[in-house]
Amino acid sequence: MALLSDERYHYFDVRGITRVFEFEVDDTGRSMIRLDEDFSQRFTARFLGPDFMESTGKISHDNGVTWQFDFTMTHQRSSKRPPETAKVVPPMLRPIRQQRHGVP
């Protein structure tokens, strides 16, 4: 994942999937959206104090006209610090609970 600019976010993963999202962040949280005729996505995360964040993902198959819940996650700041040799120094937020909607 990488920021392309203050408003654009590049997602890629080991499956070879790449997507570019419009991106916003403010004091309350962050949001991302990607509109496509076949498969649109949006993600919203809200800060719940300094150590927690709740996020929701939604999907659309009609270019964002209607949306369905895809997942919810709760993130908690990790108390573990990475080794001094790691490039990421501050503790990261990690998911502590994830639920995919419509999946048992």
PDB file of N, CA and C in Angstrom:
ATOM      1  N   MET A   1       0.842  -1.164   0.000  1.00  0.00           N
ATOM      2  CA  MET A   1       0.000   0.000   0.000  1.00  0.00           C
ATOM      3  C   MET A   1       0.890   1.230   0.000  1.00  0.00           C
ATOM      4  N   ALA A   2       0.453   2.232  -0.728  1.00  0.00           N
ATOM      5  CA  ALA A   2       1.261   3.443  -0.822  1.00  0.00           C
ATOM      6  C   ALA A   2       0.362   4.629  -1.137  1.00  0.00           C
ATOM      7  N   LEU A   3       0.710   5.781  -0.572  1.00  0.00           N
ATOM      8  CA  LEU A   3       0.021   7.014  -0.928  1.00  0.00           C
ATOM      9  C   LEU A   3       0.611   7.537  -2.223  1.00  0.00           C
ATOM     10  N   LEU A   4      -0.228   7.774  -3.208  1.00  0.00           N
ATOM     11  CA  LEU A   4       0.221   8.369  -4.461  1.00  0.00           C
ATOM     12  C   LEU A   4       0.238   9.888  -4.354  1.00  0.00           C
ATOM     13  N   SER A   5      -0.672  10.418  -3.532  1.00  0.00           N
ATOM     14  CA  SER A   5      -0.770  11.855  -3.251  1.00  0.00           C
ATOM     15  C   SER A   5      -1.570  11.984  -1.962  1.00  0.00           C
ATOM     16  N   ASP A   6      -1.879  13.201  -1.565  1.00  0.00           N
ATOM     17  CA  ASP A   6      -2.695  13.396  -0.362  1.00  0.00           C
ATOM     18  C   ASP A   6      -4.116  12.868  -0.542  1.00  0.00           C
ATOM     19  N   GLU A   7      -4.550  12.674  -1.797  1.00  0.00           N
ATOM     20  CA  GLU A   7      -5.926  12.243  -2.066  1.00  0.00           C
ATOM     21  C   GLU A   7      -6.028  10.881  -2.746  1.00  0.00           C
ATOM     22  N   ARG A   8      -4.919  10.225  -3.077  1.00  0.00           N
ATOM     23  CA  ARG A   8      -4.985   8.945  -3.802  1.00  0.00           C
ATOM     24  C   ARG A   8      -4.113   7.907  -3.114  1.00  0.00           C
ATOM     25  N   TYR A   9      -4.647   6.687  -3.046  1.00  0.00           N
ATOM     26  CA  TYR A   9      -4.044   5.585  -2.313  1.00  0.00           C
ATOM     27  C   TYR A   9      -3.928   4.388  -3.260  1.00  0.00           C
ATOM     28  N   HIS A  10      -2.750   3.785  -3.340  1.00  0.00           N
ATOM     29  CA  HIS A  10      -2.521   2.639  -4.218  1.00  0.00           C
ATOM     30  C   HIS A  10      -2.498   1.372  -3.375  1.00  0.00           C
ATOM     31  N   TYR A  11      -3.421   0.448  -3.658  1.00  0.00           N
ATOM     32  CA  TYR A  11      -3.494  -0.835  -2.966  1.00  0.00           C
ATOM     33  C   TYR A  11      -2.944  -1.909  -3.896  1.00  0.00           C
ATOM     34  N   PHE A  12      -2.145  -2.811  -3.345  1.00  0.00           N
ATOM     35  CA  PHE A  12      -1.674  -3.971  -4.102  1.00  0.00           C
ATOM     36  C   PHE A  12      -1.419  -5.097  -3.111  1.00  0.00           C
ATOM     37  N   ASP A  13      -1.523  -6.343  -3.594  1.00  0.00           N
ATOM     38  CA  ASP A  13      -1.288  -7.471  -2.699  1.00  0.00           C
ATOM     39  C   ASP A  13      -0.603  -8.624  -3.426  1.00  0.00           C
ATOM     40  N   VAL A  14      -0.361  -9.711  -2.697  1.00  0.00           N
ATOM     41  CA  VAL A  14       0.389 -10.848  -3.238  1.00  0.00           C
ATOM     42  C   VAL A  14      -0.366 -11.588  -4.334  1.00  0.00           C
ATOM     43  N   ARG A  15      -1.671 -11.369  -4.440  1.00  0.00           N
ATOM     44  CA  ARG A  15      -2.452 -12.017  -5.496  1.00  0.00           C
ATOM     45  C   ARG A  15      -2.270 -11.331  -6.843  1.00  0.00           C
ATOM     46  N   GLY A  16      -1.571 -10.194  -6.843  1.00  0.00           N
ATOM     47  CA  GLY A  16      -1.395  -9.434  -8.067  1.00  0.00           C
ATOM     48  C   GLY A  16      -2.502  -8.415  -8.305  1.00  0.00           C
ATOM     49  N   ILE A  17      -3.350  -8.207  -7.308  1.00  0.00           N
ATOM     50  CA  ILE A  17      -4.439  -7.239  -7.431  1.00  0.00           C
ATOM     51  C   ILE A  17      -3.901  -5.847  -7.134  1.00  0.00           C
ATOM     52  N   THR A  18      -4.235  -4.902  -7.980  1.00  0.00           N
ATOM     53  CA  THR A  18      -3.885  -3.497  -7.749  1.00  0.00           C
ATOM     54  C   THR A  18      -5.136  -2.653  -7.933  1.00  0.00           C
ATOM     55  N   ARG A  19      -5.294  -1.673  -7.063  1.00  0.00           N
ATOM     56  CA  ARG A  19      -6.446  -0.771  -7.134  1.00  0.00           C
ATOM     57  C   ARG A  19      -6.006   0.598  -6.641  1.00  0.00           C
ATOM     58  N   VAL A  20      -6.608   1.637  -7.191  1.00  0.00           N
ATOM     59  CA  VAL A  20      -6.347   3.004  -6.739  1.00  0.00           C
ATOM     60  C   VAL A  20      -7.634   3.550  -6.138  1.00  0.00           C
ATOM     61  N   PHE A  21      -7.533   4.049  -4.914  1.00  0.00           N
ATOM     62  CA  PHE A  21      -8.674   4.588  -4.173  1.00  0.00           C
ATOM     63  C   PHE A  21      -8.510   6.095  -3.996  1.00  0.00           C
ATOM     64  N   GLU A  22      -9.638   6.803  -3.986  1.00  0.00           N
ATOM     65  CA  GLU A  22      -9.644   8.183  -3.516  1.00  0.00           C
ATOM     66  C   GLU A  22      -9.562   8.106  -1.997  1.00  0.00           C
ATOM     67  N   PHE A  23      -8.791   8.979  -1.370  1.00  0.00           N
ATOM     68  CA  PHE A  23      -8.434   8.841   0.038  1.00  0.00           C
ATOM     69  C   PHE A  23      -8.648  10.161   0.758  1.00  0.00           C
ATOM     70  N   GLU A  24      -9.240  10.107   1.952  1.00  0.00           N
ATOM     71  CA  GLU A  24      -9.397  11.286   2.816  1.00  0.00           C
ATOM     72  C   GLU A  24      -9.040  10.907   4.243  1.00  0.00           C
ATOM     73  N   VAL A  25      -8.410  11.815   4.949  1.00  0.00           N
ATOM     74  CA  VAL A  25      -8.098  11.607   6.364  1.00  0.00           C
ATOM     75  C   VAL A  25      -8.291  12.931   7.088  1.00  0.00           C
ATOM     76  N   ASP A  26      -8.829  12.839   8.310  1.00  0.00           N
ATOM     77  CA  ASP A  26      -8.982  14.020   9.153  1.00  0.00           C
ATOM     78  C   ASP A  26      -8.856  13.590  10.612  1.00  0.00           C
ATOM     79  N   ASP A  27      -9.187  14.464  11.538  1.00  0.00           N
ATOM     80  CA  ASP A  27      -9.032  14.166  12.960  1.00  0.00           C
ATOM     81  C   ASP A  27      -9.958  13.051  13.448  1.00  0.00           C
ATOM     82  N   THR A  28     -11.030  12.748  12.707  1.00  0.00           N
ATOM     83  CA  THR A  28     -11.981  11.723  13.152  1.00  0.00           C
ATOM     84  C   THR A  28     -11.674  10.344  12.586  1.00  0.00           C
ATOM     85  N   GLY A  29     -10.897  10.270  11.485  1.00  0.00           N
ATOM     86  CA  GLY A  29     -10.584   8.974  10.889  1.00  0.00           C
ATOM     87  C   GLY A  29     -10.146   9.109   9.449  1.00  0.00           C
ATOM     88  N   ARG A  30     -10.408   8.050   8.676  1.00  0.00           N
ATOM     89  CA  ARG A  30     -10.021   8.056   7.265  1.00  0.00           C
ATOM     90  C   ARG A  30     -11.060   7.306   6.447  1.00  0.00           C
ATOM     91  N   SER A  31     -11.106   7.611   5.155  1.00  0.00           N
ATOM     92  CA  SER A  31     -12.022   6.916   4.266  1.00  0.00           C
ATOM     93  C   SER A  31     -11.376   6.760   2.896  1.00  0.00           C
ATOM     94  N   MET A  32     -11.770   5.689   2.203  1.00  0.00           N
ATOM     95  CA  MET A  32     -11.264   5.404   0.868  1.00  0.00           C
ATOM     96  C   MET A  32     -12.448   4.933   0.030  1.00  0.00           C
ATOM     97  N   ILE A  33     -12.438   5.285  -1.250  1.00  0.00           N
ATOM     98  CA  ILE A  33     -13.492   4.823  -2.153  1.00  0.00           C
ATOM     99  C   ILE A  33     -12.896   4.581  -3.536  1.00  0.00           C
ATOM    100  N   ARG A  34     -13.414   3.546  -4.181  1.00  0.00           N
ATOM    101  CA  ARG A  34     -13.022   3.209  -5.554  1.00  0.00           C
ATOM    102  C   ARG A  34     -14.289   2.817  -6.292  1.00  0.00           C
ATOM    103  N   LEU A  35     -14.641   3.583  -7.324  1.00  0.00           N
ATOM    104  CA  LEU A  35     -15.846   3.299  -8.096  1.00  0.00           C
ATOM    105  C   LEU A  35     -15.481   2.586  -9.393  1.00  0.00           C
ATOM    106  N   ASP A  36     -16.238   1.532  -9.698  1.00  0.00           N
ATOM    107  CA  ASP A  36     -16.033   0.738 -10.901  1.00  0.00           C
ATOM    108  C   ASP A  36     -17.387   0.130 -11.273  1.00  0.00           C
ATOM    109  N   GLU A  37     -17.652  -0.034 -12.554  1.00  0.00           N
ATOM    110  CA  GLU A  37     -18.952  -0.570 -12.987  1.00  0.00           C
ATOM    111  C   GLU A  37     -19.233  -1.954 -12.413  1.00  0.00           C
ATOM    112  N   ASP A  38     -18.201  -2.806 -12.306  1.00  0.00           N
ATOM    113  CA  ASP A  38     -18.404  -4.184 -11.858  1.00  0.00           C
ATOM    114  C   ASP A  38     -18.196  -4.387 -10.357  1.00  0.00           C
ATOM    115  N   PHE A  39     -17.225  -3.684  -9.768  1.00  0.00           N
ATOM    116  CA  PHE A  39     -16.880  -3.945  -8.371  1.00  0.00           C
ATOM    117  C   PHE A  39     -16.304  -2.681  -7.739  1.00  0.00           C
ATOM    118  N   SER A  40     -17.143  -1.963  -6.995  1.00  0.00           N
ATOM    119  CA  SER A  40     -16.721  -0.755  -6.276  1.00  0.00           C
ATOM    120  C   SER A  40     -16.523  -1.098  -4.808  1.00  0.00           C
ATOM    121  N   GLN A  41     -15.663  -0.334  -4.144  1.00  0.00           N
ATOM    122  CA  GLN A  41     -15.400  -0.557  -2.724  1.00  0.00           C
ATOM    123  C   GLN A  41     -15.305   0.779  -2.001  1.00  0.00           C
ATOM    124  N   ARG A  42     -15.729   0.770  -0.735  1.00  0.00           N
ATOM    125  CA  ARG A  42     -15.470   1.921   0.126  1.00  0.00           C
ATOM    126  C   ARG A  42     -15.167   1.417   1.531  1.00  0.00           C
ATOM    127  N   PHE A  43     -14.333   2.157   2.211  1.00  0.00           N
ATOM    128  CA  PHE A  43     -13.818   1.774   3.519  1.00  0.00           C
ATOM    129  C   PHE A  43     -13.811   3.027   4.380  1.00  0.00           C
ATOM    130  N   THR A  44     -14.337   2.920   5.587  1.00  0.00           N
ATOM    131  CA  THR A  44     -14.335   4.034   6.532  1.00  0.00           C
ATOM    132  C   THR A  44     -13.804   3.543   7.861  1.00  0.00           C
ATOM    133  N   ALA A  45     -12.885   4.295   8.443  1.00  0.00           N
ATOM    134  CA  ALA A  45     -12.337   3.979   9.765  1.00  0.00           C
ATOM    135  C   ALA A  45     -12.459   5.217  10.642  1.00  0.00           C
ATOM    136  N   ARG A  46     -12.964   5.038  11.840  1.00  0.00           N
ATOM    137  CA  ARG A  46     -13.127   6.140  12.792  1.00  0.00           C
ATOM    138  C   ARG A  46     -12.293   5.864  14.031  1.00  0.00           C
ATOM    139  N   PHE A  47     -11.579   6.895  14.478  1.00  0.00           N
ATOM    140  CA  PHE A  47     -10.759   6.775  15.678  1.00  0.00           C
ATOM    141  C   PHE A  47     -11.656   6.758  16.906  1.00  0.00           C
ATOM    142  N   LEU A  48     -11.375   5.838  17.823  1.00  0.00           N
ATOM    143  CA  LEU A  48     -12.097   5.732  19.092  1.00  0.00           C
ATOM    144  C   LEU A  48     -11.100   5.964  20.210  1.00  0.00           C
ATOM    145  N   GLY A  49     -10.580   7.154  20.308  1.00  0.00           N
ATOM    146  CA  GLY A  49      -9.535   7.456  21.265  1.00  0.00           C
ATOM    147  C   GLY A  49      -8.168   7.203  20.659  1.00  0.00           C
ATOM    148  N   PRO A  50      -7.111   7.296  21.448  1.00  0.00           N
ATOM    149  CA  PRO A  50      -5.753   7.183  20.907  1.00  0.00           C
ATOM    150  C   PRO A  50      -5.330   5.761  20.534  1.00  0.00           C
ATOM    151  N   ASP A  51      -6.023   4.739  21.018  1.00  0.00           N
ATOM    152  CA  ASP A  51      -5.552   3.374  20.827  1.00  0.00           C
ATOM    153  C   ASP A  51      -6.515   2.445  20.083  1.00  0.00           C
ATOM    154  N   PHE A  52      -7.686   2.935  19.678  1.00  0.00           N
ATOM    155  CA  PHE A  52      -8.661   2.077  19.003  1.00  0.00           C
ATOM    156  C   PHE A  52      -9.208   2.746  17.751  1.00  0.00           C
ATOM    157  N   MET A  53      -9.613   1.898  16.803  1.00  0.00           N
ATOM    158  CA  MET A  53     -10.215   2.369  15.570  1.00  0.00           C
ATOM    159  C   MET A  53     -11.234   1.318  15.121  1.00  0.00           C
ATOM    160  N   GLU A  54     -12.419   1.767  14.691  1.00  0.00           N
ATOM    161  CA  GLU A  54     -13.448   0.889  14.128  1.00  0.00           C
ATOM    162  C   GLU A  54     -13.515   1.149  12.634  1.00  0.00           C
ATOM    163  N   SER A  55     -13.563   0.090  11.837  1.00  0.00           N
ATOM    164  CA  SER A  55     -13.637   0.278  10.393  1.00  0.00           C
ATOM    165  C   SER A  55     -14.751  -0.574   9.792  1.00  0.00           C
ATOM    166  N   THR A  56     -15.277  -0.094   8.680  1.00  0.00           N
ATOM    167  CA  THR A  56     -16.349  -0.762   7.949  1.00  0.00           C
ATOM    168  C   THR A  56     -16.016  -0.743   6.471  1.00  0.00           C
ATOM    169  N   GLY A  57     -16.212  -1.879   5.817  1.00  0.00           N
ATOM    170  CA  GLY A  57     -16.033  -1.965   4.375  1.00  0.00           C
ATOM    171  C   GLY A  57     -17.354  -2.280   3.711  1.00  0.00           C
ATOM    172  N   LYS A  58     -17.580  -1.685   2.547  1.00  0.00           N
ATOM    173  CA  LYS A  58     -18.787  -1.942   1.777  1.00  0.00           C
ATOM    174  C   LYS A  58     -18.402  -2.199   0.327  1.00  0.00           C
ATOM    175  N   ILE A  59     -19.266  -2.944  -0.391  1.00  0.00           N
ATOM    176  CA  ILE A  59     -19.033  -3.231  -1.797  1.00  0.00           C
ATOM    177  C   ILE A  59     -20.273  -2.868  -2.611  1.00  0.00           C
ATOM    178  N   SER A  60     -20.044  -2.602  -3.893  1.00  0.00           N
ATOM    179  CA  SER A  60     -21.131  -2.280  -4.806  1.00  0.00           C
ATOM    180  C   SER A  60     -20.839  -2.928  -6.150  1.00  0.00           C
ATOM    181  N   HIS A  61     -21.871  -3.403  -6.795  1.00  0.00           N
ATOM    182  CA  HIS A  61     -21.732  -3.989  -8.130  1.00  0.00           C
ATOM    183  C   HIS A  61     -22.446  -3.151  -9.192  1.00  0.00           C
ATOM    184  N   ASP A  62     -22.786  -1.887  -8.829  1.00  0.00           N
ATOM    185  CA  ASP A  62     -23.461  -1.002  -9.777  1.00  0.00           C
ATOM    186  C   ASP A  62     -22.877   0.412  -9.732  1.00  0.00           C
ATOM    187  N   ASN A  63     -21.549   0.482  -9.661  1.00  0.00           N
ATOM    188  CA  ASN A  63     -20.811   1.750  -9.693  1.00  0.00           C
ATOM    189  C   ASN A  63     -21.180   2.669  -8.527  1.00  0.00           C
ATOM    190  N   GLY A  64     -21.479   2.084  -7.371  1.00  0.00           N
ATOM    191  CA  GLY A  64     -21.737   2.862  -6.169  1.00  0.00           C
ATOM    192  C   GLY A  64     -23.145   3.381  -6.010  1.00  0.00           C
ATOM    193  N   VAL A  65     -24.082   2.893  -6.807  1.00  0.00           N
ATOM    194  CA  VAL A  65     -25.471   3.319  -6.653  1.00  0.00           C
ATOM    195  C   VAL A  65     -26.050   2.709  -5.379  1.00  0.00           C
ATOM    196  N   THR A  66     -25.832   1.407  -5.167  1.00  0.00           N
ATOM    197  CA  THR A  66     -26.257   0.739  -3.933  1.00  0.00           C
ATOM    198  C   THR A  66     -25.036   0.065  -3.313  1.00  0.00           C
ATOM    199  N   TRP A  67     -25.033  -0.018  -1.989  1.00  0.00           N
ATOM    200  CA  TRP A  67     -23.890  -0.580  -1.256  1.00  0.00           C
ATOM    201  C   TRP A  67     -24.355  -1.712  -0.352  1.00  0.00           C
ATOM    202  N   GLN A  68     -23.478  -2.733  -0.187  1.00  0.00           N
ATOM    203  CA  GLN A  68     -23.715  -3.843   0.745  1.00  0.00           C
ATOM    204  C   GLN A  68     -22.562  -3.873   1.737  1.00  0.00           C
ATOM    205  N   PHE A  69     -22.875  -4.198   2.993  1.00  0.00           N
ATOM    206  CA  PHE A  69     -21.811  -4.362   3.980  1.00  0.00           C
ATOM    207  C   PHE A  69     -20.919  -5.533   3.579  1.00  0.00           C
ATOM    208  N   ASP A  70     -19.618  -5.350   3.712  1.00  0.00           N
ATOM    209  CA  ASP A  70     -18.645  -6.406   3.415  1.00  0.00           C
ATOM    210  C   ASP A  70     -17.961  -6.879   4.694  1.00  0.00           C
ATOM    211  N   PHE A  71     -17.479  -5.958   5.531  1.00  0.00           N
ATOM    212  CA  PHE A  71     -16.790  -6.359   6.751  1.00  0.00           C
ATOM    213  C   PHE A  71     -16.773  -5.216   7.754  1.00  0.00           C
ATOM    214  N   THR A  72     -16.533  -5.574   9.016  1.00  0.00           N
ATOM    215  CA  THR A  72     -16.227  -4.610  10.067  1.00  0.00           C
ATOM    216  C   THR A  72     -14.983  -5.107  10.794  1.00  0.00           C
ATOM    217  N   MET A  73     -14.176  -4.190  11.270  1.00  0.00           N
ATOM    218  CA  MET A  73     -12.979  -4.539  12.037  1.00  0.00           C
ATOM    219  C   MET A  73     -12.792  -3.539  13.168  1.00  0.00           C
ATOM    220  N   THR A  74     -12.233  -4.026  14.263  1.00  0.00           N
ATOM    221  CA  THR A  74     -11.793  -3.175  15.351  1.00  0.00           C
ATOM    222  C   THR A  74     -10.280  -3.313  15.439  1.00  0.00           C
ATOM    223  N   HIS A  75      -9.597  -2.182  15.488  1.00  0.00           N
ATOM    224  CA  HIS A  75      -8.135  -2.174  15.579  1.00  0.00           C
ATOM    225  C   HIS A  75      -7.717  -1.642  16.940  1.00  0.00           C
ATOM    226  N   GLN A  76      -6.653  -2.222  17.489  1.00  0.00           N
ATOM    227  CA  GLN A  76      -6.099  -1.745  18.750  1.00  0.00           C
ATOM    228  C   GLN A  76      -4.610  -1.543  18.568  1.00  0.00           C
ATOM    229  N   ARG A  77      -4.108  -0.428  19.091  1.00  0.00           N
ATOM    230  CA  ARG A  77      -2.680  -0.149  19.006  1.00  0.00           C
ATOM    231  C   ARG A  77      -1.908  -1.240  19.744  1.00  0.00           C
ATOM    232  N   SER A  78      -0.887  -1.766  19.109  1.00  0.00           N
ATOM    233  CA  SER A  78      -0.053  -2.792  19.710  1.00  0.00           C
ATOM    234  C   SER A  78       0.903  -2.166  20.712  1.00  0.00           C
ATOM    235  N   SER A  79       1.121  -2.856  21.821  1.00  0.00           N
ATOM    236  CA  SER A  79       2.070  -2.339  22.805  1.00  0.00           C
ATOM    237  C   SER A  79       3.488  -2.786  22.491  1.00  0.00           C
ATOM    238  N   LYS A  80       3.633  -3.712  21.532  1.00  0.00           N
ATOM    239  CA  LYS A  80       4.960  -4.194  21.164  1.00  0.00           C
ATOM    240  C   LYS A  80       5.646  -3.195  20.242  1.00  0.00           C
ATOM    241  N   ARG A  81       6.898  -2.934  20.500  1.00  0.00           N
ATOM    242  CA  ARG A  81       7.671  -2.056  19.642  1.00  0.00           C
ATOM    243  C   ARG A  81       8.529  -2.914  18.718  1.00  0.00           C
ATOM    244  N   PRO A  82       8.659  -2.521  17.458  1.00  0.00           N
ATOM    245  CA  PRO A  82       9.497  -3.297  16.539  1.00  0.00           C
ATOM    246  C   PRO A  82      10.969  -3.196  16.921  1.00  0.00           C
ATOM    247  N   PRO A  83      11.783  -4.107  16.439  1.00  0.00           N
ATOM    248  CA  PRO A  83      13.219  -4.036  16.732  1.00  0.00           C
ATOM    249  C   PRO A  83      13.797  -2.718  16.232  1.00  0.00           C
ATOM    250  N   GLU A  84      14.875  -2.293  16.850  1.00  0.00           N
ATOM    251  CA  GLU A  84      15.512  -1.028  16.482  1.00  0.00           C
ATOM    252  C   GLU A  84      15.909  -0.994  15.013  1.00  0.00           C
ATOM    253  N   THR A  85      16.158  -2.159  14.414  1.00  0.00           N
ATOM    254  CA  THR A  85      16.566  -2.200  13.014  1.00  0.00           C
ATOM    255  C   THR A  85      15.392  -2.045  12.053  1.00  0.00           C
ATOM    256  N   ALA A  86      14.164  -2.122  12.565  1.00  0.00           N
ATOM    257  CA  ALA A  86      12.985  -1.998  11.705  1.00  0.00           C
ATOM    258  C   ALA A  86      12.833  -0.568  11.222  1.00  0.00           C
ATOM    259  N   LYS A  87      12.308  -0.401  10.028  1.00  0.00           N
ATOM    260  CA  LYS A  87      12.111   0.935   9.473  1.00  0.00           C
ATOM    261  C   LYS A  87      10.881   1.615  10.067  1.00  0.00           C
ATOM    262  N   VAL A  88       9.896   0.838  10.530  1.00  0.00           N
ATOM    263  CA  VAL A  88       8.702   1.401  11.143  1.00  0.00           C
ATOM    264  C   VAL A  88       8.945   1.464  12.642  1.00  0.00           C
ATOM    265  N   VAL A  89       8.996   2.666  13.188  1.00  0.00           N
ATOM    266  CA  VAL A  89       9.320   2.819  14.602  1.00  0.00           C
ATOM    267  C   VAL A  89       8.081   2.850  15.481  1.00  0.00           C
ATOM    268  N   PRO A  90       7.023   3.631  15.149  1.00  0.00           N
ATOM    269  CA  PRO A  90       5.882   3.662  16.057  1.00  0.00           C
ATOM    270  C   PRO A  90       5.070   2.381  15.991  1.00  0.00           C
ATOM    271  N   PRO A  91       4.413   1.997  17.105  1.00  0.00           N
ATOM    272  CA  PRO A  91       3.553   0.816  17.064  1.00  0.00           C
ATOM    273  C   PRO A  91       2.408   1.045  16.094  1.00  0.00           C
ATOM    274  N   MET A  92       2.010   0.009  15.400  1.00  0.00           N
ATOM    275  CA  MET A  92       0.964   0.099  14.388  1.00  0.00           C
ATOM    276  C   MET A  92      -0.368  -0.362  14.976  1.00  0.00           C
ATOM    277  N   LEU A  93      -1.457   0.055  14.345  1.00  0.00           N
ATOM    278  CA  LEU A  93      -2.771  -0.438  14.734  1.00  0.00           C
ATOM    279  C   LEU A  93      -2.976  -1.794  14.090  1.00  0.00           C
ATOM    280  N   ARG A  94      -3.406  -2.766  14.854  1.00  0.00           N
ATOM    281  CA  ARG A  94      -3.607  -4.109  14.321  1.00  0.00           C
ATOM    282  C   ARG A  94      -5.051  -4.520  14.549  1.00  0.00           C
ATOM    283  N   PRO A  95      -5.627  -5.325  13.647  1.00  0.00           N
ATOM    284  CA  PRO A  95      -7.008  -5.754  13.854  1.00  0.00           C
ATOM    285  C   PRO A  95      -7.110  -6.695  15.051  1.00  0.00           C
ATOM    286  N   ILE A  96      -8.115  -6.469  15.910  1.00  0.00           N
ATOM    287  CA  ILE A  96      -8.335  -7.399  17.025  1.00  0.00           C
ATOM    288  C   ILE A  96      -9.633  -8.171  16.833  1.00  0.00           C
ATOM    289  N   ARG A  97     -10.504  -7.686  15.941  1.00  0.00           N
ATOM    290  CA  ARG A  97     -11.753  -8.403  15.660  1.00  0.00           C
ATOM    291  C   ARG A  97     -12.157  -8.074  14.229  1.00  0.00           C
ATOM    292  N   GLN A  98     -12.467  -9.093  13.475  1.00  0.00           N
ATOM    293  CA  GLN A  98     -12.934  -8.881  12.108  1.00  0.00           C
ATOM    294  C   GLN A  98     -14.116  -9.789  11.863  1.00  0.00           C
ATOM    295  N   GLN A  99     -15.133  -9.240  11.212  1.00  0.00           N
ATOM    296  CA  GLN A  99     -16.313 -10.029  10.877  1.00  0.00           C
ATOM    297  C   GLN A  99     -16.711  -9.704   9.451  1.00  0.00           C
ATOM    298  N   ARG A 100     -16.827 -10.716   8.628  1.00  0.00           N
ATOM    299  CA  ARG A 100     -17.318 -10.528   7.263  1.00  0.00           C
ATOM    300  C   ARG A 100     -18.824 -10.751   7.291  1.00  0.00           C
ATOM    301  N   HIS A 101     -19.551  -9.808   6.769  1.00  0.00           N
ATOM    302  CA  HIS A 101     -21.009  -9.905   6.767  1.00  0.00           C
ATOM    303  C   HIS A 101     -21.464 -10.962   5.772  1.00  0.00           C
ATOM    304  N   GLY A 102     -22.433 -11.758   6.176  1.00  0.00           N
ATOM    305  CA  GLY A 102     -22.978 -12.803   5.319  1.00  0.00           C
ATOM    306  C   GLY A 102     -22.156 -14.081   5.310  1.00  0.00           C
ATOM    307  N   VAL A 103     -21.074 -14.122   6.124  1.00  0.00           N
ATOM    308  CA  VAL A 103     -20.232 -15.321   6.210  1.00  0.00           C
ATOM    309  C   VAL A 103     -20.348 -15.859   7.622  1.00  0.00           C
ATOM    310  N   PRO A 104     -20.689 -17.136   7.813  1.00  0.00           N
ATOM    311  CA  PRO A 104     -20.866 -17.667   9.167  1.00  0.00           C
ATOM    312  C   PRO A 104     -19.568 -17.672   9.963  1.00  0.00           C
TER     313      PRO A 104
END
